[in-house]
Amino acid sequence: MGKIDCVVSVIIPAYNAEDFIEHAVHSVLKQTMSNFEIIIVNDASRDKTREKSLKLCELDERITYFENDKNLGVSESRNFGIRKSKAKYIAILDSDDLWREDRLSIMIEHMEKNNLDMLADQLVVLTENSRENAFSPEWMKYNKDINIFHYMSMDWPGLQKTMPLCYMKPVFRKEFILKENIFYDKELSIGEDSLFYSCMVVAGAKFMVIPDALYFYTVRDGSLSNINLPALQLMKIPKKIMEFCVLKNIVIDRKIKFTINAKYQSYLLKHSIDLIKNGFYKKSVLNLMKIQIGTYVRWVVYFIKLSCRKLFISSGFEFGTRKEITPPFISTLRRMS
């Protein structure tokens, strides 16, 4: 398939994926839209990922296979696939995940219609015993462009009954990625998605979400409630966002500074709590001393409100349609957007 005919490049990084790479690829081949290419990047797997991927290439000429000489990690593998891609749009598919058969047609139609640089859909989380949507329905009904403040409010530690938006798997316009020189950070083993999306949005990407549940995200061990990203890794993200703004000469005004600092403060508090849970009390105290007073005040007020609400409910008080109490900073960020 030539470059002109290919609309979407589907990039599948794979590491020791012999048990599920075929299912992932076939979920793409079954798409109602046919003008795509599939790029498999084998990250030096030690199992039969290579053999199974090469057999898949024999089935369909739209599939190409590449292999890293050594294990480079998911970020480098995705970046390699982006550079090798031929299409207008980029879609990332993890090797153990699946797509609904009409995902590409729905996503691309929406992106073309609204001239988007980035579009995300609802995620269906699959475990051994459950199947549930990842993101808040209220979030996914938001039908306006999402700026950095609104995105940050949806990608936040401590959110209840939902996963942070960093778990989303958007489709991207390749031209915007190359123009802004935004790639996955190879220094991050966790949180590389969050940083990538944040940089896209802060650089001015036109970004929206749709409520359609089209991507199936597989959790191999544990349930949705056990998904928890280590805050120590995530603490690097706010600093890297600031570095990106400086590099791209993006004006860092008071609101952006507040947003990035609020994110860092919340990660720092979460990391301190993680240290306490694991018995590292001295390190935790040192971290707690770095947290600003305003952060403590916001969280204390939040928990007081939460406790009072639970007390009233247990006493039979009806709140009606009153909205849930949001964690600190989120309401402020949404007012900024």
C-alpha atoms as a PDB file:
ATOM      1  CA  MET A   1       0.000   0.000   0.000  1.00  0.00           C
ATOM      2  CA  GLY A   2       1.425   3.364  -0.984  1.00  0.00           C
ATOM      3  CA  LYS A   3       1.814   6.415   1.209  1.00  0.00           C
ATOM      4  CA  ILE A   4      -1.134   8.180  -0.449  1.00  0.00           C
ATOM      5  CA  ASP A   5      -3.478   5.240   0.164  1.00  0.00           C
ATOM      6  CA  CYS A   6      -2.478   4.697   3.786  1.00  0.00           C
ATOM      7  CA  VAL A   7      -4.505   6.829   6.195  1.00  0.00           C
ATOM      8  CA  VAL A   8      -3.521   5.320   9.576  1.00  0.00           C
ATOM      9  CA  SER A   9      -0.272   3.808  10.805  1.00  0.00           C
ATOM     10  CA  VAL A  10      -0.981   1.347  13.618  1.00  0.00           C
ATOM     11  CA  ILE A  11       2.118   0.938  15.794  1.00  0.00           C
ATOM     12  CA  ILE A  12       2.348  -2.169  17.972  1.00  0.00           C
ATOM     13  CA  PRO A  13       5.379  -2.336  20.315  1.00  0.00           C
ATOM     14  CA  ALA A  14       5.856  -5.931  21.446  1.00  0.00           C
ATOM     15  CA  TYR A  15       7.965  -7.488  24.174  1.00  0.00           C
ATOM     16  CA  ASN A  16       7.520 -11.178  25.004  1.00  0.00           C
ATOM     17  CA  ALA A  17       4.097 -11.009  23.399  1.00  0.00           C
ATOM     18  CA  GLU A  18       3.829 -14.498  21.908  1.00  0.00           C
ATOM     19  CA  ASP A  19       0.594 -15.239  23.790  1.00  0.00           C
ATOM     20  CA  PHE A  20      -1.371 -12.232  22.545  1.00  0.00           C
ATOM     21  CA  ILE A  21       0.304 -10.506  19.549  1.00  0.00           C
ATOM     22  CA  GLU A  22      -1.888 -12.432  17.110  1.00  0.00           C
ATOM     23  CA  HIS A  23      -5.107 -11.317  18.844  1.00  0.00           C
ATOM     24  CA  ALA A  24      -3.974  -7.676  18.784  1.00  0.00           C
ATOM     25  CA  VAL A  25      -3.066  -7.743  15.091  1.00  0.00           C
ATOM     26  CA  HIS A  26      -6.261  -9.567  14.073  1.00  0.00           C
ATOM     27  CA  SER A  27      -8.348  -6.947  15.897  1.00  0.00           C
ATOM     28  CA  VAL A  28      -6.801  -4.415  13.498  1.00  0.00           C
ATOM     29  CA  LEU A  29      -7.201  -6.596  10.417  1.00  0.00           C
ATOM     30  CA  LYS A  30     -10.911  -6.903  11.218  1.00  0.00           C
ATOM     31  CA  GLN A  31     -11.421  -3.143  11.104  1.00  0.00           C
ATOM     32  CA  THR A  32     -14.220  -1.905   8.866  1.00  0.00           C
ATOM     33  CA  MET A  33     -11.716   0.641   7.539  1.00  0.00           C
ATOM     34  CA  SER A  34      -9.038  -0.999   5.389  1.00  0.00           C
ATOM     35  CA  ASN A  35      -6.543   1.714   4.365  1.00  0.00           C
ATOM     36  CA  PHE A  36      -4.051   1.318   7.195  1.00  0.00           C
ATOM     37  CA  GLU A  37      -0.620  -0.147   7.805  1.00  0.00           C
ATOM     38  CA  ILE A  38       0.499  -2.151  10.843  1.00  0.00           C
ATOM     39  CA  ILE A  39       4.024  -1.664  12.184  1.00  0.00           C
ATOM     40  CA  ILE A  40       5.160  -4.296  14.693  1.00  0.00           C
ATOM     41  CA  VAL A  41       8.259  -3.294  16.680  1.00  0.00           C
ATOM     42  CA  ASN A  42       9.724  -6.271  18.535  1.00  0.00           C
ATOM     43  CA  ASP A  43      11.671  -4.941  21.522  1.00  0.00           C
ATOM     44  CA  ALA A  44      14.203  -7.813  21.639  1.00  0.00           C
ATOM     45  CA  SER A  45      11.716 -10.368  22.939  1.00  0.00           C
ATOM     46  CA  ARG A  46      13.023 -13.646  24.341  1.00  0.00           C
ATOM     47  CA  ASP A  47      10.022 -15.743  23.368  1.00  0.00           C
ATOM     48  CA  LYS A  48       8.430 -16.516  19.999  1.00  0.00           C
ATOM     49  CA  THR A  49       7.175 -13.008  19.295  1.00  0.00           C
ATOM     50  CA  ARG A  50       9.471 -12.807  16.251  1.00  0.00           C
ATOM     51  CA  GLU A  51       8.239 -16.048  14.693  1.00  0.00           C
ATOM     52  CA  LYS A  52       4.569 -15.226  15.236  1.00  0.00           C
ATOM     53  CA  SER A  53       4.992 -11.678  13.919  1.00  0.00           C
ATOM     54  CA  LEU A  54       6.701 -12.877  10.729  1.00  0.00           C
ATOM     55  CA  LYS A  55       3.864 -15.337  10.114  1.00  0.00           C
ATOM     56  CA  LEU A  56       1.406 -12.458  10.463  1.00  0.00           C
ATOM     57  CA  CYS A  57       3.370 -10.505   7.856  1.00  0.00           C
ATOM     58  CA  GLU A  58       2.825 -13.383   5.427  1.00  0.00           C
ATOM     59  CA  LEU A  59      -0.938 -13.070   5.906  1.00  0.00           C
ATOM     60  CA  ASP A  60      -1.246  -9.408   4.908  1.00  0.00           C
ATOM     61  CA  GLU A  61       1.048  -7.046   2.997  1.00  0.00           C
ATOM     62  CA  ARG A  62      -0.092  -4.135   5.168  1.00  0.00           C
ATOM     63  CA  ILE A  63       1.942  -5.579   8.089  1.00  0.00           C
ATOM     64  CA  THR A  64       5.637  -4.718   8.437  1.00  0.00           C
ATOM     65  CA  TYR A  65       8.006  -6.026  11.088  1.00  0.00           C
ATOM     66  CA  PHE A  66      11.018  -4.442  12.780  1.00  0.00           C
ATOM     67  CA  GLU A  67      13.171  -5.710  15.617  1.00  0.00           C
ATOM     68  CA  ASN A  68      15.380  -3.846  18.089  1.00  0.00           C
ATOM     69  CA  ASP A  69      18.896  -5.234  18.548  1.00  0.00           C
ATOM     70  CA  LYS A  70      18.478  -4.869  22.293  1.00  0.00           C
ATOM     71  CA  ASN A  71      15.639  -4.095  24.681  1.00  0.00           C
ATOM     72  CA  LEU A  72      15.017  -0.325  24.453  1.00  0.00           C
ATOM     73  CA  GLY A  73      11.680  -0.038  26.207  1.00  0.00           C
ATOM     74  CA  VAL A  74       8.206   0.889  25.035  1.00  0.00           C
ATOM     75  CA  SER A  75       8.964   4.596  24.490  1.00  0.00           C
ATOM     76  CA  GLU A  76      11.830   4.008  22.067  1.00  0.00           C
ATOM     77  CA  SER A  77       9.859   1.292  20.280  1.00  0.00           C
ATOM     78  CA  ARG A  78       6.899   3.631  19.785  1.00  0.00           C
ATOM     79  CA  ASN A  79       9.181   6.435  18.600  1.00  0.00           C
ATOM     80  CA  PHE A  80      10.810   4.097  16.080  1.00  0.00           C
ATOM     81  CA  GLY A  81       7.377   3.142  14.765  1.00  0.00           C
ATOM     82  CA  ILE A  82       6.336   6.796  14.457  1.00  0.00           C
ATOM     83  CA  ARG A  83       9.444   7.581  12.406  1.00  0.00           C
ATOM     84  CA  LYS A  84       8.837   4.589  10.138  1.00  0.00           C
ATOM     85  CA  SER A  85       5.152   5.366   9.654  1.00  0.00           C
ATOM     86  CA  LYS A  86       3.772   6.496   6.281  1.00  0.00           C
ATOM     87  CA  ALA A  87       0.270   7.638   7.139  1.00  0.00           C
ATOM     88  CA  LYS A  88      -1.470  10.866   8.096  1.00  0.00           C
ATOM     89  CA  TYR A  89      -2.576   9.510  11.474  1.00  0.00           C
ATOM     90  CA  ILE A  90      -0.824   7.483  14.178  1.00  0.00           C
ATOM     91  CA  ALA A  91      -2.593   4.930  16.397  1.00  0.00           C
ATOM     92  CA  ILE A  92      -0.783   3.096  19.196  1.00  0.00           C
ATOM     93  CA  LEU A  93      -1.950  -0.407  20.125  1.00  0.00           C
ATOM     94  CA  ASP A  94      -0.306  -2.282  22.990  1.00  0.00           C
ATOM     95  CA  SER A  95       0.442  -5.870  22.050  1.00  0.00           C
ATOM     96  CA  ASP A  96      -1.928  -7.368  24.652  1.00  0.00           C
ATOM     97  CA  ASP A  97      -4.869  -5.051  23.915  1.00  0.00           C
ATOM     98  CA  LEU A  98      -7.691  -5.130  21.341  1.00  0.00           C
ATOM     99  CA  TRP A  99      -9.872  -2.791  19.293  1.00  0.00           C
ATOM    100  CA  ARG A 100     -13.542  -2.853  18.470  1.00  0.00           C
ATOM    101  CA  GLU A 101     -13.886  -3.515  14.763  1.00  0.00           C
ATOM    102  CA  ASP A 102     -15.175  -0.036  13.913  1.00  0.00           C
ATOM    103  CA  ARG A 103     -12.664   1.924  16.033  1.00  0.00           C
ATOM    104  CA  LEU A 104     -10.569   3.363  13.214  1.00  0.00           C
ATOM    105  CA  SER A 105     -13.514   4.384  11.050  1.00  0.00           C
ATOM    106  CA  ILE A 106     -15.203   6.208  13.946  1.00  0.00           C
ATOM    107  CA  MET A 107     -12.016   7.886  15.172  1.00  0.00           C
ATOM    108  CA  ILE A 108     -10.769   9.034  11.774  1.00  0.00           C
ATOM    109  CA  GLU A 109     -14.182  10.324  10.709  1.00  0.00           C
ATOM    110  CA  HIS A 110     -14.378  12.390  13.896  1.00  0.00           C
ATOM    111  CA  MET A 111     -10.819  13.710  13.479  1.00  0.00           C
ATOM    112  CA  GLU A 112     -11.404  14.714   9.870  1.00  0.00           C
ATOM    113  CA  LYS A 113     -14.725  16.358  10.657  1.00  0.00           C
ATOM    114  CA  ASN A 114     -13.293  18.443  13.514  1.00  0.00           C
ATOM    115  CA  ASN A 115      -9.751  18.910  12.163  1.00  0.00           C
ATOM    116  CA  LEU A 116      -8.224  17.363  15.312  1.00  0.00           C
ATOM    117  CA  ASP A 117      -4.611  16.671  16.199  1.00  0.00           C
ATOM    118  CA  MET A 118      -5.541  14.222  18.945  1.00  0.00           C
ATOM    119  CA  LEU A 119      -8.658  12.203  19.751  1.00  0.00           C
ATOM    120  CA  ALA A 120      -9.303   9.784  22.632  1.00  0.00           C
ATOM    121  CA  ASP A 121     -12.122   7.312  23.194  1.00  0.00           C
ATOM    122  CA  GLN A 122     -13.478   5.468  26.228  1.00  0.00           C
ATOM    123  CA  LEU A 123     -11.338   2.573  27.460  1.00  0.00           C
ATOM    124  CA  VAL A 124     -12.857  -0.784  28.388  1.00  0.00           C
ATOM    125  CA  VAL A 125     -10.755  -2.428  31.110  1.00  0.00           C
ATOM    126  CA  LEU A 126     -10.708  -6.207  30.928  1.00  0.00           C
ATOM    127  CA  THR A 127      -9.636  -8.357  33.873  1.00  0.00           C
ATOM    128  CA  GLU A 128     -10.163 -12.058  34.546  1.00  0.00           C
ATOM    129  CA  ASN A 129     -13.385 -11.333  36.398  1.00  0.00           C
ATOM    130  CA  SER A 130     -14.636  -7.976  35.186  1.00  0.00           C
ATOM    131  CA  ARG A 131     -15.244  -5.623  32.300  1.00  0.00           C
ATOM    132  CA  GLU A 132     -15.765  -1.931  33.027  1.00  0.00           C
ATOM    133  CA  ASN A 133     -15.198   1.485  31.517  1.00  0.00           C
ATOM    134  CA  ALA A 134     -12.063   3.255  32.669  1.00  0.00           C
ATOM    135  CA  PHE A 135     -13.029   6.922  32.532  1.00  0.00           C
ATOM    136  CA  SER A 136     -15.795   8.983  34.071  1.00  0.00           C
ATOM    137  CA  PRO A 137     -18.834   9.219  31.744  1.00  0.00           C
ATOM    138  CA  GLU A 138     -19.029  12.951  32.557  1.00  0.00           C
ATOM    139  CA  TRP A 139     -15.477  13.393  31.211  1.00  0.00           C
ATOM    140  CA  MET A 140     -16.156  11.535  27.992  1.00  0.00           C
ATOM    141  CA  LYS A 141     -19.310  13.552  27.245  1.00  0.00           C
ATOM    142  CA  TYR A 142     -17.247  16.752  27.154  1.00  0.00           C
ATOM    143  CA  ASN A 143     -17.637  17.856  23.525  1.00  0.00           C
ATOM    144  CA  LYS A 144     -15.287  20.851  23.423  1.00  0.00           C
ATOM    145  CA  ASP A 145     -11.562  21.230  22.783  1.00  0.00           C
ATOM    146  CA  ILE A 146      -9.539  20.143  25.818  1.00  0.00           C
ATOM    147  CA  ASN A 147      -6.771  22.524  26.878  1.00  0.00           C
ATOM    148  CA  ILE A 148      -3.918  21.880  29.311  1.00  0.00           C
ATOM    149  CA  PHE A 149      -5.969  22.905  32.367  1.00  0.00           C
ATOM    150  CA  HIS A 150      -8.904  20.666  31.571  1.00  0.00           C
ATOM    151  CA  TYR A 151      -6.589  17.770  30.671  1.00  0.00           C
ATOM    152  CA  MET A 152      -4.659  18.091  33.925  1.00  0.00           C
ATOM    153  CA  SER A 153      -7.924  18.019  35.884  1.00  0.00           C
ATOM    154  CA  MET A 154      -8.709  14.624  34.324  1.00  0.00           C
ATOM    155  CA  ASP A 155      -5.193  13.188  34.757  1.00  0.00           C
ATOM    156  CA  TRP A 156      -4.822  13.475  38.503  1.00  0.00           C
ATOM    157  CA  PRO A 157      -3.645  11.280  41.426  1.00  0.00           C
ATOM    158  CA  GLY A 158      -6.288  10.396  43.980  1.00  0.00           C
ATOM    159  CA  LEU A 159      -9.287  10.315  41.679  1.00  0.00           C
ATOM    160  CA  GLN A 160     -11.988   7.938  42.872  1.00  0.00           C
ATOM    161  CA  LYS A 161     -14.022   5.464  40.788  1.00  0.00           C
ATOM    162  CA  THR A 162     -12.105   6.280  37.615  1.00  0.00           C
ATOM    163  CA  MET A 163      -8.672   5.964  36.033  1.00  0.00           C
ATOM    164  CA  PRO A 164      -6.564   9.056  35.228  1.00  0.00           C
ATOM    165  CA  LEU A 165      -6.777  10.090  31.602  1.00  0.00           C
ATOM    166  CA  CYS A 166      -3.101   9.182  31.033  1.00  0.00           C
ATOM    167  CA  TYR A 167      -4.329   5.622  30.394  1.00  0.00           C
ATOM    168  CA  MET A 168      -6.124   6.727  27.228  1.00  0.00           C
ATOM    169  CA  LYS A 169      -4.891   5.576  23.806  1.00  0.00           C
ATOM    170  CA  PRO A 170      -5.523   8.498  21.426  1.00  0.00           C
ATOM    171  CA  VAL A 171      -5.135   8.670  17.680  1.00  0.00           C
ATOM    172  CA  PHE A 172      -2.716  11.447  16.638  1.00  0.00           C
ATOM    173  CA  ARG A 173      -2.108  13.573  13.584  1.00  0.00           C
ATOM    174  CA  LYS A 174       1.470  12.745  12.578  1.00  0.00           C
ATOM    175  CA  GLU A 175       2.122  16.189  11.106  1.00  0.00           C
ATOM    176  CA  PHE A 176       1.612  17.825  14.518  1.00  0.00           C
ATOM    177  CA  ILE A 177       3.947  15.350  16.263  1.00  0.00           C
ATOM    178  CA  LEU A 178       6.744  16.000  13.783  1.00  0.00           C
ATOM    179  CA  LYS A 179       6.188  19.757  13.658  1.00  0.00           C
ATOM    180  CA  GLU A 180       6.427  20.080  17.443  1.00  0.00           C
ATOM    181  CA  ASN A 181       9.064  17.317  17.722  1.00  0.00           C
ATOM    182  CA  ILE A 182       7.144  15.515  20.478  1.00  0.00           C
ATOM    183  CA  PHE A 183       8.143  11.928  21.152  1.00  0.00           C
ATOM    184  CA  TYR A 184       7.832   9.495  24.060  1.00  0.00           C
ATOM    185  CA  ASP A 185      10.448  10.117  26.762  1.00  0.00           C
ATOM    186  CA  LYS A 186      12.868   7.191  26.934  1.00  0.00           C
ATOM    187  CA  GLU A 187      13.947   8.181  30.464  1.00  0.00           C
ATOM    188  CA  LEU A 188      10.500   7.375  31.865  1.00  0.00           C
ATOM    189  CA  SER A 189       9.589   3.739  32.420  1.00  0.00           C
ATOM    190  CA  ILE A 190       6.207   4.788  33.845  1.00  0.00           C
ATOM    191  CA  GLY A 191       4.186   7.877  33.006  1.00  0.00           C
ATOM    192  CA  GLU A 192       5.578   8.334  29.492  1.00  0.00           C
ATOM    193  CA  ASP A 193       2.035   8.524  28.142  1.00  0.00           C
ATOM    194  CA  SER A 194       1.037  11.277  30.569  1.00  0.00           C
ATOM    195  CA  LEU A 195       4.071  13.367  29.618  1.00  0.00           C
ATOM    196  CA  PHE A 196       3.497  12.838  25.884  1.00  0.00           C
ATOM    197  CA  TYR A 197      -0.159  13.887  26.088  1.00  0.00           C
ATOM    198  CA  SER A 198       0.649  16.875  28.314  1.00  0.00           C
ATOM    199  CA  CYS A 199       3.266  18.133  25.851  1.00  0.00           C
ATOM    200  CA  MET A 200       0.851  17.670  22.938  1.00  0.00           C
ATOM    201  CA  VAL A 201      -1.820  19.717  24.685  1.00  0.00           C
ATOM    202  CA  VAL A 202       0.445  22.454  26.020  1.00  0.00           C
ATOM    203  CA  ALA A 203       1.914  22.808  22.500  1.00  0.00           C
ATOM    204  CA  GLY A 204      -1.563  23.622  21.240  1.00  0.00           C
ATOM    205  CA  ALA A 205      -2.854  20.328  19.867  1.00  0.00           C
ATOM    206  CA  LYS A 206      -6.558  20.412  19.088  1.00  0.00           C
ATOM    207  CA  PHE A 207      -7.758  17.606  21.339  1.00  0.00           C
ATOM    208  CA  MET A 208     -11.172  16.110  22.027  1.00  0.00           C
ATOM    209  CA  VAL A 209     -12.690  12.965  23.525  1.00  0.00           C
ATOM    210  CA  ILE A 210     -15.649  10.836  22.465  1.00  0.00           C
ATOM    211  CA  PRO A 211     -17.752   8.565  24.725  1.00  0.00           C
ATOM    212  CA  ASP A 212     -17.587   5.510  22.421  1.00  0.00           C
ATOM    213  CA  ALA A 213     -15.884   2.527  24.122  1.00  0.00           C
ATOM    214  CA  LEU A 214     -13.631   1.298  21.302  1.00  0.00           C
ATOM    215  CA  TYR A 215     -10.328   0.280  22.956  1.00  0.00           C
ATOM    216  CA  PHE A 216     -10.048  -2.840  25.140  1.00  0.00           C
ATOM    217  CA  TYR A 217      -7.313  -2.506  27.769  1.00  0.00           C
ATOM    218  CA  THR A 218      -6.169  -5.761  29.339  1.00  0.00           C
ATOM    219  CA  VAL A 219      -5.087  -5.996  32.984  1.00  0.00           C
ATOM    220  CA  ARG A 220      -3.302  -9.287  33.447  1.00  0.00           C
ATOM    221  CA  ASP A 221      -3.018  -9.226  37.249  1.00  0.00           C
ATOM    222  CA  GLY A 222      -5.476  -7.728  39.693  1.00  0.00           C
ATOM    223  CA  SER A 223      -8.558  -5.623  39.209  1.00  0.00           C
ATOM    224  CA  LEU A 224      -9.166  -2.028  38.166  1.00  0.00           C
ATOM    225  CA  SER A 225      -8.996  -0.876  41.783  1.00  0.00           C
ATOM    226  CA  ASN A 226      -5.417  -2.161  42.059  1.00  0.00           C
ATOM    227  CA  ILE A 227      -4.070  -0.099  39.168  1.00  0.00           C
ATOM    228  CA  ASN A 228      -1.750   2.406  40.845  1.00  0.00           C
ATOM    229  CA  LEU A 229       1.168   4.240  39.236  1.00  0.00           C
ATOM    230  CA  PRO A 230       4.199   4.825  41.516  1.00  0.00           C
ATOM    231  CA  ALA A 231       4.272   8.510  42.381  1.00  0.00           C
ATOM    232  CA  LEU A 232       8.099   8.579  42.462  1.00  0.00           C
ATOM    233  CA  GLN A 233       8.181   8.115  38.687  1.00  0.00           C
ATOM    234  CA  LEU A 234       5.289  10.488  38.106  1.00  0.00           C
ATOM    235  CA  MET A 235       7.010  13.268  40.063  1.00  0.00           C
ATOM    236  CA  LYS A 236       9.399  13.718  37.121  1.00  0.00           C
ATOM    237  CA  ILE A 237       6.570  14.659  34.758  1.00  0.00           C
ATOM    238  CA  PRO A 238       5.804  18.254  35.942  1.00  0.00           C
ATOM    239  CA  LYS A 239       9.496  19.209  35.683  1.00  0.00           C
ATOM    240  CA  LYS A 240       9.719  17.737  32.182  1.00  0.00           C
ATOM    241  CA  ILE A 241       6.590  19.635  31.105  1.00  0.00           C
ATOM    242  CA  MET A 242       8.207  22.858  32.315  1.00  0.00           C
ATOM    243  CA  GLU A 243      11.419  21.995  30.428  1.00  0.00           C
ATOM    244  CA  PHE A 244       9.369  21.369  27.299  1.00  0.00           C
ATOM    245  CA  CYS A 245       7.681  24.777  27.625  1.00  0.00           C
ATOM    246  CA  VAL A 246      11.066  26.481  27.918  1.00  0.00           C
ATOM    247  CA  LEU A 247      12.458  24.536  24.936  1.00  0.00           C
ATOM    248  CA  LYS A 248       9.469  25.415  22.739  1.00  0.00           C
ATOM    249  CA  ASN A 249       9.336  29.062  23.939  1.00  0.00           C
ATOM    250  CA  ILE A 250       5.830  28.522  25.269  1.00  0.00           C
ATOM    251  CA  VAL A 251       4.813  31.385  27.551  1.00  0.00           C
ATOM    252  CA  ILE A 252       4.694  30.028  31.106  1.00  0.00           C
ATOM    253  CA  ASP A 253       2.130  32.308  32.663  1.00  0.00           C
ATOM    254  CA  ARG A 254       0.760  32.242  36.204  1.00  0.00           C
ATOM    255  CA  LYS A 255      -1.950  29.715  35.360  1.00  0.00           C
ATOM    256  CA  ILE A 256       0.443  27.245  33.739  1.00  0.00           C
ATOM    257  CA  LYS A 257       2.868  27.584  36.656  1.00  0.00           C
ATOM    258  CA  PHE A 258       0.016  26.899  39.071  1.00  0.00           C
ATOM    259  CA  THR A 259      -1.073  23.853  37.052  1.00  0.00           C
ATOM    260  CA  ILE A 260       2.379  22.275  36.862  1.00  0.00           C
ATOM    261  CA  ASN A 261       3.212  23.031  40.504  1.00  0.00           C
ATOM    262  CA  ALA A 262      -0.154  21.691  41.683  1.00  0.00           C
ATOM    263  CA  LYS A 263       0.537  18.449  39.838  1.00  0.00           C
ATOM    264  CA  TYR A 264       3.988  18.147  41.402  1.00  0.00           C
ATOM    265  CA  GLN A 265       2.710  18.912  44.900  1.00  0.00           C
ATOM    266  CA  SER A 266       0.021  16.232  44.634  1.00  0.00           C
ATOM    267  CA  TYR A 267       2.499  13.635  43.355  1.00  0.00           C
ATOM    268  CA  LEU A 268       4.903  14.564  46.159  1.00  0.00           C
ATOM    269  CA  LEU A 269       2.188  14.048  48.767  1.00  0.00           C
ATOM    270  CA  LYS A 270       1.171  10.736  47.197  1.00  0.00           C
ATOM    271  CA  HIS A 271       4.801   9.577  47.158  1.00  0.00           C
ATOM    272  CA  SER A 272       5.164  10.508  50.843  1.00  0.00           C
ATOM    273  CA  ILE A 273       2.107   8.415  51.677  1.00  0.00           C
ATOM    274  CA  ASP A 274       3.558   5.500  49.664  1.00  0.00           C
ATOM    275  CA  LEU A 275       6.790   5.778  51.689  1.00  0.00           C
ATOM    276  CA  ILE A 276       4.856   5.687  54.984  1.00  0.00           C
ATOM    277  CA  LYS A 277       2.936   2.590  53.831  1.00  0.00           C
ATOM    278  CA  ASN A 278       6.248   0.851  53.124  1.00  0.00           C
ATOM    279  CA  GLY A 279       7.906   1.865  56.384  1.00  0.00           C
ATOM    280  CA  PHE A 280      10.270   4.562  55.073  1.00  0.00           C
ATOM    281  CA  TYR A 281       9.298   7.121  57.680  1.00  0.00           C
ATOM    282  CA  LYS A 282      12.437   9.294  57.592  1.00  0.00           C
ATOM    283  CA  LYS A 283      12.290   9.766  53.812  1.00  0.00           C
ATOM    284  CA  SER A 284       8.597  10.465  54.072  1.00  0.00           C
ATOM    285  CA  VAL A 285       9.132  13.246  56.635  1.00  0.00           C
ATOM    286  CA  LEU A 286      11.762  14.865  54.392  1.00  0.00           C
ATOM    287  CA  ASN A 287       9.323  14.857  51.492  1.00  0.00           C
ATOM    288  CA  LEU A 288       6.446  16.127  53.606  1.00  0.00           C
ATOM    289  CA  MET A 289       8.589  19.124  54.589  1.00  0.00           C
ATOM    290  CA  LYS A 290       8.826  20.099  50.891  1.00  0.00           C
ATOM    291  CA  ILE A 291       5.078  20.281  50.435  1.00  0.00           C
ATOM    292  CA  GLN A 292       3.551  23.758  50.468  1.00  0.00           C
ATOM    293  CA  ILE A 293       1.140  24.720  53.237  1.00  0.00           C
ATOM    294  CA  GLY A 294      -1.563  25.467  50.698  1.00  0.00           C
ATOM    295  CA  THR A 295      -1.484  21.853  49.484  1.00  0.00           C
ATOM    296  CA  TYR A 296      -2.068  20.551  53.016  1.00  0.00           C
ATOM    297  CA  VAL A 297      -4.918  23.016  53.548  1.00  0.00           C
ATOM    298  CA  ARG A 298      -6.622  21.963  50.301  1.00  0.00           C
ATOM    299  CA  TRP A 299      -6.404  18.260  51.154  1.00  0.00           C
ATOM    300  CA  VAL A 300      -7.531  18.752  54.774  1.00  0.00           C
ATOM    301  CA  VAL A 301     -10.569  20.740  53.612  1.00  0.00           C
ATOM    302  CA  TYR A 302     -11.288  18.070  50.997  1.00  0.00           C
ATOM    303  CA  PHE A 303     -11.267  15.231  53.539  1.00  0.00           C
ATOM    304  CA  ILE A 304     -13.378  17.238  56.008  1.00  0.00           C
ATOM    305  CA  LYS A 305     -15.986  17.828  53.275  1.00  0.00           C
ATOM    306  CA  LEU A 306     -15.828  14.170  52.280  1.00  0.00           C
ATOM    307  CA  SER A 307     -16.253  12.998  55.875  1.00  0.00           C
ATOM    308  CA  CYS A 308     -19.165  15.364  56.506  1.00  0.00           C
ATOM    309  CA  ARG A 309     -20.869  14.231  53.329  1.00  0.00           C
ATOM    310  CA  LYS A 310     -20.533  10.557  54.331  1.00  0.00           C
ATOM    311  CA  LEU A 311     -21.826  11.365  57.820  1.00  0.00           C
ATOM    312  CA  PHE A 312     -24.908  13.137  56.428  1.00  0.00           C
ATOM    313  CA  ILE A 313     -25.586  10.288  54.000  1.00  0.00           C
ATOM    314  CA  SER A 314     -25.324   7.690  56.778  1.00  0.00           C
ATOM    315  CA  SER A 315     -27.829   9.794  58.761  1.00  0.00           C
ATOM    316  CA  GLY A 316     -30.319   9.602  55.915  1.00  0.00           C
ATOM    317  CA  PHE A 317     -29.701  13.025  54.400  1.00  0.00           C
ATOM    318  CA  GLU A 318     -30.428  13.222  50.650  1.00  0.00           C
ATOM    319  CA  PHE A 319     -28.066  15.287  48.475  1.00  0.00           C
ATOM    320  CA  GLY A 320     -30.184  14.879  45.360  1.00  0.00           C
ATOM    321  CA  THR A 321     -28.343  15.706  42.165  1.00  0.00           C
ATOM    322  CA  ARG A 322     -25.518  17.540  43.935  1.00  0.00           C
ATOM    323  CA  LYS A 323     -22.153  16.758  42.336  1.00  0.00           C
ATOM    324  CA  GLU A 324     -19.452  14.706  44.004  1.00  0.00           C
ATOM    325  CA  ILE A 325     -16.782  16.587  45.930  1.00  0.00           C
ATOM    326  CA  THR A 326     -13.722  16.861  43.706  1.00  0.00           C
ATOM    327  CA  PRO A 327     -10.138  16.340  44.965  1.00  0.00           C
ATOM    328  CA  PRO A 328      -7.962  19.448  45.555  1.00  0.00           C
ATOM    329  CA  PHE A 329      -6.922  21.619  42.598  1.00  0.00           C
ATOM    330  CA  ILE A 330      -9.350  19.978  40.139  1.00  0.00           C
ATOM    331  CA  SER A 331     -12.151  22.535  40.491  1.00  0.00           C
ATOM    332  CA  THR A 332      -9.616  25.358  40.113  1.00  0.00           C
ATOM    333  CA  LEU A 333      -8.146  23.835  36.964  1.00  0.00           C
ATOM    334  CA  ARG A 334     -11.570  23.387  35.414  1.00  0.00           C
ATOM    335  CA  ARG A 335     -12.432  27.012  36.116  1.00  0.00           C
ATOM    336  CA  MET A 336      -9.194  27.984  34.331  1.00  0.00           C
ATOM    337  CA  SER A 337     -10.205  26.007  31.247  1.00  0.00           C
END
